[in-house]
Protein backbone atom coordinates (compact mmCIF):
# COMPACT_ATOMS: atom_id res chain seq x y z
CA MET A 1 4.45 -19.85 -6.55
CA LEU A 2 3.80 -16.19 -5.67
CA LEU A 3 6.94 -15.81 -3.57
CA SER A 4 9.15 -16.84 -6.49
CA ILE A 5 7.68 -14.36 -8.97
CA PRO A 6 10.11 -11.45 -9.65
CA LEU A 7 8.72 -8.10 -8.54
CA SER A 8 8.97 -6.68 -12.06
CA LEU A 9 6.84 -9.53 -13.42
CA TRP A 10 4.39 -9.24 -10.53
CA PHE A 11 3.98 -5.48 -11.13
CA ASP A 12 3.46 -6.15 -14.85
CA ILE A 13 0.76 -8.75 -14.18
CA ARG A 14 -0.93 -6.50 -11.65
CA GLY A 15 -0.89 -3.59 -14.10
CA LYS A 16 -2.49 -5.66 -16.85
CA VAL A 17 -5.23 -6.93 -14.52
CA GLN A 18 -5.88 -3.38 -13.33
CA LEU A 19 -6.13 -2.13 -16.92
CA TRP A 20 -8.58 -4.92 -17.76
CA PHE A 21 -10.74 -4.30 -14.71
CA SER A 22 -10.79 -0.53 -15.23
CA THR A 23 -12.13 -0.90 -18.79
CA PRO A 24 -15.85 -1.78 -18.54
CA GLN A 25 -16.05 -2.93 -22.16
CA LEU A 26 -13.38 -5.58 -21.55
CA VAL A 27 -15.26 -6.89 -18.53
CA LEU A 28 -18.90 -6.57 -19.60
CA LEU A 29 -18.72 -7.65 -23.25
CA PRO A 30 -17.36 -11.16 -22.53
CA LEU A 31 -19.93 -11.61 -19.75
CA CYS A 32 -22.77 -10.50 -22.03
CA ALA A 33 -21.49 -12.81 -24.77
CA LEU A 34 -21.45 -15.70 -22.33
CA TYR A 35 -24.98 -14.91 -21.22
CA LEU A 36 -26.29 -14.75 -24.81
CA SER A 37 -24.51 -17.98 -25.70
CA THR A 38 -26.80 -19.84 -23.32
CA TYR A 39 -29.65 -19.31 -25.80
CA PHE A 40 -27.87 -21.22 -28.56
CA PRO A 41 -29.13 -24.76 -29.17
CA GLY A 42 -25.72 -26.28 -28.58
CA PHE A 43 -25.51 -25.03 -25.00
CA ARG A 44 -26.24 -27.87 -22.57
CA ARG A 45 -29.61 -27.42 -20.85
CA VAL A 46 -28.32 -28.42 -17.43
CA TRP A 47 -25.79 -25.56 -17.41
CA LYS A 48 -28.11 -22.82 -18.68
CA PRO A 49 -29.54 -21.67 -15.31
CA VAL A 50 -26.10 -21.67 -13.68
CA ALA A 51 -24.48 -19.75 -16.55
CA ARG A 52 -27.28 -17.19 -16.73
CA TRP A 53 -27.50 -16.53 -13.02
CA GLY A 54 -23.72 -16.54 -12.69
CA THR A 55 -23.03 -14.06 -15.48
CA ALA A 56 -25.94 -11.82 -14.44
CA SER A 57 -24.61 -11.78 -10.87
CA LEU A 58 -21.11 -10.90 -12.05
CA VAL A 59 -22.42 -8.04 -14.20
CA ILE A 60 -24.46 -6.64 -11.31
CA ALA A 61 -21.55 -7.01 -8.88
CA TYR A 62 -19.13 -5.29 -11.27
CA LEU A 63 -21.51 -2.38 -11.92
CA LEU A 64 -22.03 -1.98 -8.17
CA ILE A 65 -18.31 -2.02 -7.41
CA ILE A 66 -17.48 0.70 -9.96
CA SER A 67 -20.42 2.89 -8.90
CA PRO A 68 -20.06 5.78 -6.39
CA LEU A 69 -21.83 3.63 -3.78
CA GLY A 70 -19.45 0.74 -4.41
CA ALA A 71 -16.43 3.04 -4.17
CA ALA A 72 -17.66 4.42 -0.84
CA LEU A 73 -18.31 0.94 0.55
CA THR A 74 -14.98 -0.54 -0.52
CA MET A 75 -13.06 2.45 0.80
CA GLY A 76 -15.03 2.50 4.03
CA GLY A 77 -14.14 -1.10 4.75
CA LEU A 78 -10.45 -0.15 4.83
CA THR A 79 -10.87 2.65 7.35
CA VAL A 80 -13.50 1.42 9.80
CA PHE A 81 -10.97 -0.62 11.80
CA LEU A 82 -8.23 2.01 11.96
CA PRO A 83 -7.48 3.17 15.51
CA ALA A 84 -7.69 6.87 16.25
CA ASP A 85 -4.53 8.90 16.72
CA ASP A 86 -4.75 10.02 20.36
CA GLY A 87 -2.14 12.74 19.93
CA GLN A 88 0.65 11.05 21.87
CA PRO A 89 4.23 12.04 21.10
CA ALA A 90 6.20 9.49 19.10
CA ASP A 91 9.81 8.62 18.40
CA ALA A 92 9.53 9.16 14.65
CA VAL A 93 7.18 10.10 11.83
CA VAL A 94 7.39 7.49 9.06
CA VAL A 95 6.09 8.62 5.67
CA LEU A 96 5.66 6.00 2.97
CA GLY A 97 5.90 6.69 -0.74
CA ARG A 98 3.41 5.35 -3.30
CA GLY A 99 4.69 6.76 -6.56
CA SER A 100 2.36 9.38 -8.00
CA LEU A 101 -0.36 8.91 -5.37
CA GLN A 102 -0.45 12.09 -3.23
CA PRO A 103 3.32 12.60 -2.78
CA ILE A 104 3.08 16.29 -1.88
CA GLU A 105 0.24 15.74 0.59
CA ARG A 106 2.29 13.07 2.37
CA THR A 107 5.29 15.33 2.91
CA GLN A 108 3.09 18.23 3.97
CA GLN A 109 1.39 16.08 6.61
CA ALA A 110 4.73 14.74 7.84
CA ALA A 111 6.11 18.29 8.08
CA GLN A 112 3.06 19.46 10.03
CA LEU A 113 3.48 16.61 12.52
CA TRP A 114 7.14 17.48 13.03
CA GLN A 115 6.36 21.18 13.40
CA ALA A 116 3.73 20.28 16.00
CA ARG A 117 6.53 18.48 17.90
CA ARG A 118 4.81 15.13 17.67
CA ALA A 119 8.17 13.46 16.87
CA PRO A 120 11.81 14.58 16.63
CA VAL A 121 12.59 12.97 13.28
CA ILE A 122 10.93 12.10 9.97
CA LEU A 123 11.80 8.90 8.13
CA ALA A 124 10.95 8.83 4.41
CA SER A 125 10.61 5.33 2.98
CA GLY A 126 10.33 4.12 -0.60
CA ASP A 127 12.36 3.59 -3.73
CA ASP A 128 12.82 6.98 -5.46
CA ASP A 129 10.20 8.55 -3.19
CA ALA A 130 12.48 8.80 -0.14
CA LEU A 131 15.07 10.98 -1.86
CA LYS A 132 12.37 13.23 -3.26
CA PHE A 133 10.54 13.51 0.06
CA VAL A 134 13.71 14.51 1.92
CA ARG A 135 14.40 17.29 -0.61
CA TRP A 136 10.86 18.61 -0.27
CA LEU A 137 10.92 18.44 3.52
CA ALA A 138 14.26 20.25 3.65
CA ALA A 139 12.82 22.91 1.35
CA ASP A 140 9.92 23.28 3.81
CA GLY A 141 12.38 24.13 6.57
CA ILE A 142 12.84 20.76 8.23
CA PRO A 143 16.52 20.54 9.30
CA THR A 144 18.54 17.76 7.70
CA SER A 145 19.44 16.50 11.18
CA ALA A 146 15.77 15.56 11.60
CA LEU A 147 15.51 13.74 8.28
CA LEU A 148 16.14 10.04 7.73
CA GLN A 149 15.54 8.04 4.60
CA GLU A 150 15.21 4.48 3.37
CA PRO A 151 15.35 4.59 -0.44
CA CYS A 152 15.35 0.89 -1.25
CA SER A 153 11.89 -0.54 -0.62
CA LEU A 154 9.53 -1.43 -3.45
CA THR A 155 6.65 -2.96 -1.46
CA THR A 156 4.83 -2.34 1.81
CA GLU A 157 6.63 -5.31 3.40
CA GLU A 158 9.96 -3.82 2.37
CA ASN A 159 8.86 -0.40 3.64
CA ALA A 160 8.34 -1.90 7.08
CA VAL A 161 11.32 -4.23 7.30
CA LEU A 162 13.87 -1.80 5.87
CA SER A 163 12.48 1.13 7.88
CA ALA A 164 12.87 -1.04 10.98
CA LEU A 165 16.63 -0.98 10.40
CA VAL A 166 16.66 2.80 10.58
CA LEU A 167 14.26 2.93 13.51
CA GLN A 168 16.38 0.41 15.44
CA GLN A 169 19.34 2.79 15.24
CA ILE A 170 17.41 5.54 17.04
CA GLN A 171 15.66 3.07 19.38
CA ALA A 172 12.23 4.10 18.12
CA LYS A 173 9.30 2.16 19.51
CA ARG A 174 6.31 4.37 18.79
CA ILE A 175 5.85 5.80 15.30
CA ILE A 176 3.35 8.03 13.56
CA LEU A 177 2.65 6.46 10.17
CA VAL A 178 1.75 8.63 7.17
CA THR A 179 0.39 7.13 3.95
CA ASP A 180 -2.75 7.33 1.83
CA THR A 181 -6.04 6.27 3.41
CA PRO A 182 -6.57 2.91 1.61
CA HIS A 183 -2.94 1.90 2.17
CA MET A 184 -3.00 2.63 5.89
CA LEU A 185 -4.56 -0.58 7.23
CA ARG A 186 -2.08 -2.92 5.52
CA SER A 187 0.83 -0.65 6.42
CA LEU A 188 -0.22 -0.36 10.05
CA LEU A 189 -0.61 -4.12 10.47
CA THR A 190 2.77 -4.76 8.84
CA PHE A 191 4.68 -2.25 10.98
CA ARG A 192 2.85 -3.43 14.10
CA SER A 193 3.89 -7.02 13.40
CA LEU A 194 7.52 -5.90 13.73
CA GLY A 195 6.95 -4.64 17.25
CA PHE A 196 6.15 -0.96 16.71
CA GLU A 197 3.35 0.94 18.35
CA VAL A 198 1.72 2.66 15.38
CA LEU A 199 -0.31 5.88 15.43
CA PRO A 200 -2.02 6.21 12.03
CA GLN A 201 -2.16 9.54 10.23
CA PRO A 202 -3.80 8.74 6.87
CA VAL A 203 -3.64 11.39 4.19
CA PRO A 204 -7.23 12.29 3.16
CA PHE A 205 -8.01 10.53 -0.09
CA PRO A 206 -8.66 12.78 -3.13
CA THR A 207 -12.33 13.26 -3.96
CA HIS A 208 -11.77 14.12 -7.63
CA LEU A 209 -11.00 10.53 -8.67
CA ALA A 210 -13.63 8.64 -10.65
CA SER A 211 -15.48 6.03 -8.63
CA ILE A 212 -14.03 3.21 -10.73
CA ASP A 213 -10.47 4.39 -9.96
CA THR A 214 -11.24 4.65 -6.25
CA SER A 215 -12.74 1.15 -6.24
CA ILE A 216 -9.71 -0.31 -8.04
CA ILE A 217 -7.29 1.21 -5.52
CA ALA A 218 -9.39 -0.14 -2.66
CA LEU A 219 -9.72 -3.61 -4.21
CA LYS A 220 -5.95 -3.79 -4.70
CA GLU A 221 -5.61 -3.20 -0.98
CA TYR A 222 -8.07 -5.98 -0.13
CA VAL A 223 -6.04 -8.34 -2.31
CA GLY A 224 -2.83 -7.12 -0.67
CA ILE A 225 -4.24 -7.63 2.82
CA ALA A 226 -5.35 -11.16 1.93
CA ILE A 227 -1.91 -12.04 0.50
CA TYR A 228 -0.06 -10.56 3.48
CA ALA A 229 -2.32 -12.41 5.91
CA PHE A 230 -1.84 -15.69 4.02
CA PHE A 231 1.96 -15.39 4.21
CA GLY A 232 1.93 -14.43 7.90
CA ARG A 233 3.08 -10.85 7.52
CA PHE A 234 0.66 -9.63 10.18
CA ARG A 235 1.63 -12.15 12.84
CA ASP A 236 3.91 -11.08 15.70
CA ARG A 237 7.46 -10.86 14.33
CA SER A 238 8.84 -8.59 17.04
CA ASN A 239 11.05 -11.39 18.36
CA ILE A 240 13.25 -11.23 15.26
CA ALA A 241 16.61 -10.31 16.80
CA ASN A 242 18.17 -8.68 13.76
CA TYR A 243 16.25 -7.71 10.63
CA GLN A 244 19.54 -7.57 8.70
CA THR A 245 19.73 -11.37 8.77
CA THR A 246 16.53 -11.77 6.79
CA GLN A 247 16.70 -12.80 3.16
CA LEU A 248 14.48 -9.86 2.18
CA VAL A 249 16.83 -7.26 3.64
CA GLN A 250 19.96 -8.78 2.17
CA HIS A 251 18.37 -9.10 -1.28
CA ARG A 252 17.01 -5.56 -1.35
CA LEU A 253 20.16 -3.92 0.00
CA ALA A 254 22.25 -5.83 -2.53
CA HIS A 255 19.94 -4.61 -5.29
CA CYS A 256 20.22 -1.02 -4.05
CA THR A 257 23.98 -1.21 -3.85
CA GLN A 258 24.21 -2.58 -7.39
CA ARG A 259 22.25 0.29 -8.85
CA SER A 260 24.15 2.79 -6.68
CA SER A 261 21.04 4.52 -5.42
CA PHE A 262 21.46 3.74 -1.78
CA THR A 263 22.55 7.12 -0.51
CA SER A 264 20.89 9.05 2.27
CA THR A 265 21.07 12.01 4.59
CA GLN A 266 21.43 9.52 7.41
CA THR A 267 21.79 5.87 6.47
CA PHE A 268 21.18 2.76 8.47
């Protein structure tokens, strides 16, 4: 069952699937071999049309997905439903980390929002990323009194639930959410499910990436959205009285405490 898979194993599986999908030879050669095998005498006649049309369709679909057109279409589907930021002031800017994906651009955008007085504080969320973001923001002149951090989360769900603990302490209801463009829809829906009014501020996605890399990032988000929807992570969960009672929070905080990385400028 998906819920019982350790995160380290899940990340390993996801990485291997991503590597396979991003290598056209590994995808196309088996499909071509399957197509050619239908011409061998031993292949059952009744299955030949199905196998040929099926493999041909998969090849065409794969080539479309990794093409510039496919990348634009898959990325566009993740942004078309995002609400516009109407410029309202908020209680906090929440910036999510995603490893090596646009870390500097995220902190720059968060700093600009704070400097424009859109919100009085910035909350950096994400394992390893939060500590780094706070250092960068402080170096950019943001006072430490305006910086909060949540350095435990490893997933988008954990970003939202653990950030909610911090945001509860300052009675934040409306947040400006900063993350990369493809990640924004899933993040927005997850934070909104916990009762926050969310104003999206997606970081413009880099244009230098190859179309196949862009498509893979977008497809991962579609899979993530489907999984989150299946497990009810977008339904209204704002009636949860205390996020600290959830199994997720207790497990993640215990993990953080064990590895002694749970330190912050202002903790929850």
